Amino acid sequence: MNPIDPEEARKLFAQNCDCLLAAAEPLQFPASTLPEVAFIGRSNVGKSSLINALTGRKGLARASNTPGRTQQVVFFDLAHRLMLVDLPGYGHAEAPRVEKDRWMGLVQTYLRKRQELKCVCVLIDGRHGAKDNDLDMMNLLDRAAVVYQLVLTKMDQVRGADHSTRIQQTQELAAKHPAALANIIATSAEDKLGMNELRVFLAGVGQ
């Protein structure tokens, strides 16, 4: 991934970003040559809010206080240069087990077989740090040799020394996983913390 000028990244994310489609099964994944970056994390970690903050479009991705609202693989076309992909969350989704298994089967098919996928942003709730199912997802990505970036969310709610401690803990975690990138991006969709850094990273993926 080549270095990107922050102003170039800002201009990219200021352009049109449209919901292309929501796929409920792999056959519905779009035929596309755009590089893709996917977002995944525990239910209610803030994936939709983060995508909205990145693109400056409040209603682009549907945010909800109800865990498990995203039940499909949702593709967003950013300026015909980069595809942002919102994946169903894992963890405490309020749905029958058979439905949750179906979602995870869909996610695993996407992660293992999607040739356009260049990187996954694994979102971790900064208030609590990585949980067992975050580690399970990281291990899955390691086995599939899919590069991923750890992104801490809701960091506006982590105060004082706890802020630096959470970042350090997550850096130490990343160092134990072969497919994880070393840098940690701390974000908050609420106060836009880390948005510029994440935009620069994503623009680099899209080169």
C-alpha atoms as a PDB file:
ATOM      1  CA  MET A   1       0.000   0.000   0.000  1.00  0.00           C
ATOM      2  CA  ASN A   2       1.533   3.261  -1.153  1.00  0.00           C
ATOM      3  CA  PRO A   3       1.548   6.448   0.967  1.00  0.00           C
ATOM      4  CA  ILE A   4      -1.415   8.711   0.282  1.00  0.00           C
ATOM      5  CA  ASP A   5      -1.587  12.459   0.773  1.00  0.00           C
ATOM      6  CA  PRO A   6      -4.221  13.265   3.430  1.00  0.00           C
ATOM      7  CA  GLU A   7      -5.814  15.867   1.174  1.00  0.00           C
ATOM      8  CA  GLU A   8      -6.180  13.327  -1.623  1.00  0.00           C
ATOM      9  CA  ALA A   9      -7.836  10.940   0.826  1.00  0.00           C
ATOM     10  CA  ARG A  10     -10.195  13.672   2.040  1.00  0.00           C
ATOM     11  CA  LYS A  11     -11.216  14.489  -1.539  1.00  0.00           C
ATOM     12  CA  LEU A  12     -11.851  10.825  -2.312  1.00  0.00           C
ATOM     13  CA  PHE A  13     -14.212  10.410   0.630  1.00  0.00           C
ATOM     14  CA  ALA A  14     -15.962  13.688  -0.217  1.00  0.00           C
ATOM     15  CA  GLN A  15     -17.097  12.211  -3.534  1.00  0.00           C
ATOM     16  CA  ASN A  16     -20.265  10.250  -4.191  1.00  0.00           C
ATOM     17  CA  CYS A  17     -20.704   7.033  -2.247  1.00  0.00           C
ATOM     18  CA  ASP A  18     -23.736   4.977  -3.163  1.00  0.00           C
ATOM     19  CA  CYS A  19     -25.226   1.740  -1.895  1.00  0.00           C
ATOM     20  CA  LEU A  20     -24.771  -0.630  -4.818  1.00  0.00           C
ATOM     21  CA  LEU A  21     -26.634  -3.637  -3.412  1.00  0.00           C
ATOM     22  CA  ALA A  22     -27.203  -5.844  -0.376  1.00  0.00           C
ATOM     23  CA  ALA A  23     -26.415  -9.510  -0.987  1.00  0.00           C
ATOM     24  CA  ALA A  24     -28.182 -12.246   0.974  1.00  0.00           C
ATOM     25  CA  GLU A  25     -26.237 -15.035  -0.740  1.00  0.00           C
ATOM     26  CA  PRO A  26     -22.917 -15.315  -2.600  1.00  0.00           C
ATOM     27  CA  LEU A  27     -24.546 -15.479  -6.036  1.00  0.00           C
ATOM     28  CA  GLN A  28     -25.722 -11.909  -5.445  1.00  0.00           C
ATOM     29  CA  PHE A  29     -22.218 -10.510  -4.914  1.00  0.00           C
ATOM     30  CA  PRO A  30     -21.640  -7.909  -7.662  1.00  0.00           C
ATOM     31  CA  ALA A  31     -19.347  -8.448 -10.609  1.00  0.00           C
ATOM     32  CA  SER A  32     -16.771  -5.731 -10.010  1.00  0.00           C
ATOM     33  CA  THR A  33     -13.137  -4.901 -10.644  1.00  0.00           C
ATOM     34  CA  LEU A  34     -12.931  -2.290  -7.881  1.00  0.00           C
ATOM     35  CA  PRO A  35     -10.665  -3.021  -4.908  1.00  0.00           C
ATOM     36  CA  GLU A  36     -12.721  -3.802  -1.812  1.00  0.00           C
ATOM     37  CA  VAL A  37     -12.228  -3.182   1.879  1.00  0.00           C
ATOM     38  CA  ALA A  38     -14.645  -4.854   4.267  1.00  0.00           C
ATOM     39  CA  PHE A  39     -15.748  -3.854   7.771  1.00  0.00           C
ATOM     40  CA  ILE A  40     -16.567  -6.487  10.370  1.00  0.00           C
ATOM     41  CA  GLY A  41     -16.904  -6.640  14.136  1.00  0.00           C
ATOM     42  CA  ARG A  42     -19.131  -7.622  17.025  1.00  0.00           C
ATOM     43  CA  SER A  43     -22.804  -6.741  16.742  1.00  0.00           C
ATOM     44  CA  ASN A  44     -23.317  -3.092  17.708  1.00  0.00           C
ATOM     45  CA  VAL A  45     -19.596  -2.256  17.502  1.00  0.00           C
ATOM     46  CA  GLY A  46     -20.460   0.730  15.306  1.00  0.00           C
ATOM     47  CA  LYS A  47     -19.740  -0.446  11.746  1.00  0.00           C
ATOM     48  CA  SER A  48     -22.556   1.498  10.110  1.00  0.00           C
ATOM     49  CA  SER A  49     -21.827   4.636  12.130  1.00  0.00           C
ATOM     50  CA  LEU A  50     -18.159   4.441  11.143  1.00  0.00           C
ATOM     51  CA  ILE A  51     -18.968   4.108   7.434  1.00  0.00           C
ATOM     52  CA  ASN A  52     -21.326   7.079   7.699  1.00  0.00           C
ATOM     53  CA  ALA A  53     -18.661   9.168   9.468  1.00  0.00           C
ATOM     54  CA  LEU A  54     -15.991   8.236   6.915  1.00  0.00           C
ATOM     55  CA  THR A  55     -18.144   9.318   3.996  1.00  0.00           C
ATOM     56  CA  GLY A  56     -19.835  12.248   5.727  1.00  0.00           C
ATOM     57  CA  ARG A  57     -23.266  10.800   4.903  1.00  0.00           C
ATOM     58  CA  LYS A  58     -25.403  10.301   7.980  1.00  0.00           C
ATOM     59  CA  GLY A  59     -27.896   7.890   6.426  1.00  0.00           C
ATOM     60  CA  LEU A  60     -25.697   5.921   4.019  1.00  0.00           C
ATOM     61  CA  ALA A  61     -25.331   2.814   6.178  1.00  0.00           C
ATOM     62  CA  ARG A  62     -28.238   1.965   8.465  1.00  0.00           C
ATOM     63  CA  ALA A  63     -27.142   2.386  12.057  1.00  0.00           C
ATOM     64  CA  SER A  64     -29.172   0.842  14.864  1.00  0.00           C
ATOM     65  CA  ASN A  65     -29.035   0.237  18.595  1.00  0.00           C
ATOM     66  CA  THR A  66     -30.346  -3.260  17.922  1.00  0.00           C
ATOM     67  CA  PRO A  67     -27.482  -5.772  17.583  1.00  0.00           C
ATOM     68  CA  GLY A  68     -27.571  -7.854  14.420  1.00  0.00           C
ATOM     69  CA  ARG A  69     -29.420  -5.334  12.233  1.00  0.00           C
ATOM     70  CA  THR A  70     -27.012  -5.846   9.300  1.00  0.00           C
ATOM     71  CA  GLN A  71     -28.003  -9.262   7.949  1.00  0.00           C
ATOM     72  CA  GLN A  72     -26.581  -9.031   4.427  1.00  0.00           C
ATOM     73  CA  VAL A  73     -23.299  -8.138   2.769  1.00  0.00           C
ATOM     74  CA  VAL A  74     -23.798  -4.508   1.772  1.00  0.00           C
ATOM     75  CA  PHE A  75     -21.646  -2.985  -0.994  1.00  0.00           C
ATOM     76  CA  PHE A  76     -20.997   0.783  -1.206  1.00  0.00           C
ATOM     77  CA  ASP A  77     -19.372   2.211  -4.342  1.00  0.00           C
ATOM     78  CA  LEU A  78     -17.072   5.126  -3.467  1.00  0.00           C
ATOM     79  CA  ALA A  79     -16.506   7.307  -6.547  1.00  0.00           C
ATOM     80  CA  HIS A  80     -16.056   4.201  -8.733  1.00  0.00           C
ATOM     81  CA  ARG A  81     -12.623   3.825  -7.129  1.00  0.00           C
ATOM     82  CA  LEU A  82     -13.162   1.766  -3.982  1.00  0.00           C
ATOM     83  CA  MET A  83     -15.862  -0.569  -2.690  1.00  0.00           C
ATOM     84  CA  LEU A  84     -16.698  -0.353   1.020  1.00  0.00           C
ATOM     85  CA  VAL A  85     -18.348  -3.547   2.259  1.00  0.00           C
ATOM     86  CA  ASP A  86     -20.428  -3.737   5.451  1.00  0.00           C
ATOM     87  CA  LEU A  87     -20.495  -7.328   6.746  1.00  0.00           C
ATOM     88  CA  PRO A  88     -22.969  -8.780   9.275  1.00  0.00           C
ATOM     89  CA  GLY A  89     -21.765  -8.536  12.853  1.00  0.00           C
ATOM     90  CA  TYR A  90     -20.984 -11.453  15.088  1.00  0.00           C
ATOM     91  CA  GLY A  91     -21.675 -11.970  18.782  1.00  0.00           C
ATOM     92  CA  HIS A  92     -24.935 -10.958  20.416  1.00  0.00           C
ATOM     93  CA  ALA A  93     -27.233 -10.671  17.426  1.00  0.00           C
ATOM     94  CA  GLU A  94     -30.863 -10.987  18.486  1.00  0.00           C
ATOM     95  CA  ALA A  95     -31.812 -13.687  16.002  1.00  0.00           C
ATOM     96  CA  PRO A  96     -32.373 -17.466  15.924  1.00  0.00           C
ATOM     97  CA  ARG A  97     -29.209 -19.566  15.847  1.00  0.00           C
ATOM     98  CA  VAL A  98     -29.988 -20.861  12.360  1.00  0.00           C
ATOM     99  CA  GLU A  99     -30.103 -17.284  11.062  1.00  0.00           C
ATOM    100  CA  LYS A 100     -26.824 -16.344  12.740  1.00  0.00           C
ATOM    101  CA  ASP A 101     -25.182 -19.455  11.273  1.00  0.00           C
ATOM    102  CA  ARG A 102     -26.440 -18.456   7.831  1.00  0.00           C
ATOM    103  CA  TRP A 103     -24.995 -14.960   8.190  1.00  0.00           C
ATOM    104  CA  MET A 104     -21.612 -16.294   9.263  1.00  0.00           C
ATOM    105  CA  GLY A 105     -21.596 -18.779   6.395  1.00  0.00           C
ATOM    106  CA  LEU A 106     -22.194 -15.862   4.042  1.00  0.00           C
ATOM    107  CA  VAL A 107     -19.405 -13.863   5.691  1.00  0.00           C
ATOM    108  CA  GLN A 108     -16.932 -16.746   5.532  1.00  0.00           C
ATOM    109  CA  THR A 109     -17.659 -17.334   1.847  1.00  0.00           C
ATOM    110  CA  TYR A 110     -17.045 -13.645   1.161  1.00  0.00           C
ATOM    111  CA  LEU A 111     -13.817 -13.516   3.173  1.00  0.00           C
ATOM    112  CA  ARG A 112     -12.340 -16.696   1.728  1.00  0.00           C
ATOM    113  CA  LYS A 113     -13.346 -16.411  -1.913  1.00  0.00           C
ATOM    114  CA  ARG A 114     -13.841 -12.759  -2.868  1.00  0.00           C
ATOM    115  CA  GLN A 115     -10.926 -11.972  -5.182  1.00  0.00           C
ATOM    116  CA  GLU A 116     -11.530  -8.218  -5.096  1.00  0.00           C
ATOM    117  CA  LEU A 117     -11.069  -8.108  -1.297  1.00  0.00           C
ATOM    118  CA  LYS A 118      -7.823  -6.315  -0.439  1.00  0.00           C
ATOM    119  CA  CYS A 119      -8.173  -5.760   3.304  1.00  0.00           C
ATOM    120  CA  VAL A 120     -10.587  -6.202   6.204  1.00  0.00           C
ATOM    121  CA  CYS A 121     -11.063  -3.633   8.946  1.00  0.00           C
ATOM    122  CA  VAL A 122     -11.770  -5.606  12.121  1.00  0.00           C
ATOM    123  CA  LEU A 123     -13.618  -3.241  14.444  1.00  0.00           C
ATOM    124  CA  ILE A 124     -13.087  -3.699  18.177  1.00  0.00           C
ATOM    125  CA  ASP A 125     -15.105  -1.816  20.795  1.00  0.00           C
ATOM    126  CA  GLY A 126     -12.528   0.417  22.469  1.00  0.00           C
ATOM    127  CA  ARG A 127     -14.478   0.440  25.740  1.00  0.00           C
ATOM    128  CA  HIS A 128     -13.990  -3.281  26.253  1.00  0.00           C
ATOM    129  CA  GLY A 129     -11.085  -4.418  24.066  1.00  0.00           C
ATOM    130  CA  ALA A 130     -10.969  -7.656  22.087  1.00  0.00           C
ATOM    131  CA  LYS A 131     -13.393 -10.398  23.113  1.00  0.00           C
ATOM    132  CA  ASP A 132     -13.257 -14.117  22.332  1.00  0.00           C
ATOM    133  CA  ASN A 133     -15.279 -13.791  19.152  1.00  0.00           C
ATOM    134  CA  ASP A 134     -12.986 -10.980  17.944  1.00  0.00           C
ATOM    135  CA  LEU A 135     -10.084 -13.389  18.411  1.00  0.00           C
ATOM    136  CA  ASP A 136     -12.006 -16.081  16.524  1.00  0.00           C
ATOM    137  CA  MET A 137     -12.442 -13.710  13.571  1.00  0.00           C
ATOM    138  CA  MET A 138      -8.765 -12.744  13.644  1.00  0.00           C
ATOM    139  CA  ASN A 139      -7.785 -16.415  13.632  1.00  0.00           C
ATOM    140  CA  LEU A 140     -10.105 -17.061  10.681  1.00  0.00           C
ATOM    141  CA  LEU A 141      -8.490 -14.217   8.730  1.00  0.00           C
ATOM    142  CA  ASP A 142      -5.020 -15.473   9.647  1.00  0.00           C
ATOM    143  CA  ARG A 143      -5.866 -18.932   8.282  1.00  0.00           C
ATOM    144  CA  ALA A 144      -7.352 -17.436   5.114  1.00  0.00           C
ATOM    145  CA  ALA A 145      -4.276 -15.170   4.693  1.00  0.00           C
ATOM    146  CA  VAL A 146      -6.505 -12.075   4.432  1.00  0.00           C
ATOM    147  CA  VAL A 147      -4.744  -8.885   5.543  1.00  0.00           C
ATOM    148  CA  TYR A 148      -6.631  -6.982   8.224  1.00  0.00           C
ATOM    149  CA  GLN A 149      -6.450  -3.670  10.058  1.00  0.00           C
ATOM    150  CA  LEU A 150      -7.572  -3.439  13.687  1.00  0.00           C
ATOM    151  CA  VAL A 151      -9.760  -0.395  14.287  1.00  0.00           C
ATOM    152  CA  LEU A 152     -10.842   0.627  17.777  1.00  0.00           C
ATOM    153  CA  THR A 153     -14.292   2.223  17.866  1.00  0.00           C
ATOM    154  CA  LYS A 154     -16.096   4.433  20.416  1.00  0.00           C
ATOM    155  CA  MET A 155     -12.778   5.723  21.741  1.00  0.00           C
ATOM    156  CA  ASP A 156     -14.401   9.017  22.760  1.00  0.00           C
ATOM    157  CA  GLN A 157     -15.793   7.000  25.685  1.00  0.00           C
ATOM    158  CA  VAL A 158     -12.335   5.810  26.792  1.00  0.00           C
ATOM    159  CA  ARG A 159     -10.756   8.399  29.072  1.00  0.00           C
ATOM    160  CA  GLY A 160      -7.312   9.355  30.320  1.00  0.00           C
ATOM    161  CA  ALA A 161      -4.618   6.714  30.627  1.00  0.00           C
ATOM    162  CA  ASP A 162      -7.101   4.010  29.611  1.00  0.00           C
ATOM    163  CA  HIS A 163      -6.989   5.423  26.074  1.00  0.00           C
ATOM    164  CA  SER A 164      -3.255   4.751  25.621  1.00  0.00           C
ATOM    165  CA  THR A 165      -3.506   1.444  27.473  1.00  0.00           C
ATOM    166  CA  ARG A 166      -6.225   0.164  25.126  1.00  0.00           C
ATOM    167  CA  ILE A 167      -4.165   1.069  22.059  1.00  0.00           C
ATOM    168  CA  GLN A 168      -1.058  -0.620  23.498  1.00  0.00           C
ATOM    169  CA  GLN A 169      -3.025  -3.768  24.380  1.00  0.00           C
ATOM    170  CA  THR A 170      -4.384  -3.935  20.848  1.00  0.00           C
ATOM    171  CA  GLN A 171      -0.921  -3.409  19.327  1.00  0.00           C
ATOM    172  CA  GLU A 172       0.377  -6.312  21.399  1.00  0.00           C
ATOM    173  CA  LEU A 173      -2.534  -8.424  20.188  1.00  0.00           C
ATOM    174  CA  ALA A 174      -1.877  -7.555  16.540  1.00  0.00           C
ATOM    175  CA  ALA A 175       1.773  -8.586  16.907  1.00  0.00           C
ATOM    176  CA  LYS A 176       0.624 -12.160  17.671  1.00  0.00           C
ATOM    177  CA  HIS A 177      -1.358 -12.502  14.448  1.00  0.00           C
ATOM    178  CA  PRO A 178       0.413 -12.953  11.095  1.00  0.00           C
ATOM    179  CA  ALA A 179      -2.246 -11.335   8.894  1.00  0.00           C
ATOM    180  CA  ALA A 180      -2.806  -8.284  11.160  1.00  0.00           C
ATOM    181  CA  LEU A 181      -1.195  -4.969  10.294  1.00  0.00           C
ATOM    182  CA  ALA A 182       0.929  -3.541  13.080  1.00  0.00           C
ATOM    183  CA  ASN A 183      -0.600  -0.073  13.287  1.00  0.00           C
ATOM    184  CA  ILE A 184      -3.795   0.433  15.294  1.00  0.00           C
ATOM    185  CA  ILE A 185      -6.329   3.096  14.294  1.00  0.00           C
ATOM    186  CA  ALA A 186      -8.338   4.554  17.190  1.00  0.00           C
ATOM    187  CA  THR A 187     -11.634   6.103  16.092  1.00  0.00           C
ATOM    188  CA  SER A 188     -14.878   7.661  17.208  1.00  0.00           C
ATOM    189  CA  ALA A 189     -17.752   8.184  14.805  1.00  0.00           C
ATOM    190  CA  GLU A 190     -19.250  10.597  17.344  1.00  0.00           C
ATOM    191  CA  ASP A 191     -16.434  13.162  17.422  1.00  0.00           C
ATOM    192  CA  LYS A 192     -14.639  12.102  14.176  1.00  0.00           C
ATOM    193  CA  LEU A 193     -11.509  10.919  16.000  1.00  0.00           C
ATOM    194  CA  GLY A 194      -9.221   8.974  13.662  1.00  0.00           C
ATOM    195  CA  MET A 195     -11.339   9.581  10.548  1.00  0.00           C
ATOM    196  CA  ASN A 196      -8.521  11.267   8.620  1.00  0.00           C
ATOM    197  CA  GLU A 197      -6.072   8.488   9.484  1.00  0.00           C
ATOM    198  CA  LEU A 198      -8.539   5.811   8.451  1.00  0.00           C
ATOM    199  CA  ARG A 199      -9.366   7.615   5.198  1.00  0.00           C
ATOM    200  CA  VAL A 200      -5.661   7.770   4.321  1.00  0.00           C
ATOM    201  CA  PHE A 201      -5.298   4.075   5.016  1.00  0.00           C
ATOM    202  CA  LEU A 202      -8.357   3.133   2.951  1.00  0.00           C
ATOM    203  CA  ALA A 203      -7.337   5.370   0.060  1.00  0.00           C
ATOM    204  CA  GLY A 204      -4.019   3.534   0.032  1.00  0.00           C
ATOM    205  CA  VAL A 205      -5.858   0.213  -0.193  1.00  0.00           C
ATOM    206  CA  GLY A 206      -7.730   1.572  -3.190  1.00  0.00           C
ATOM    207  CA  GLN A 207      -4.631   2.429  -5.208  1.00  0.00           C
END
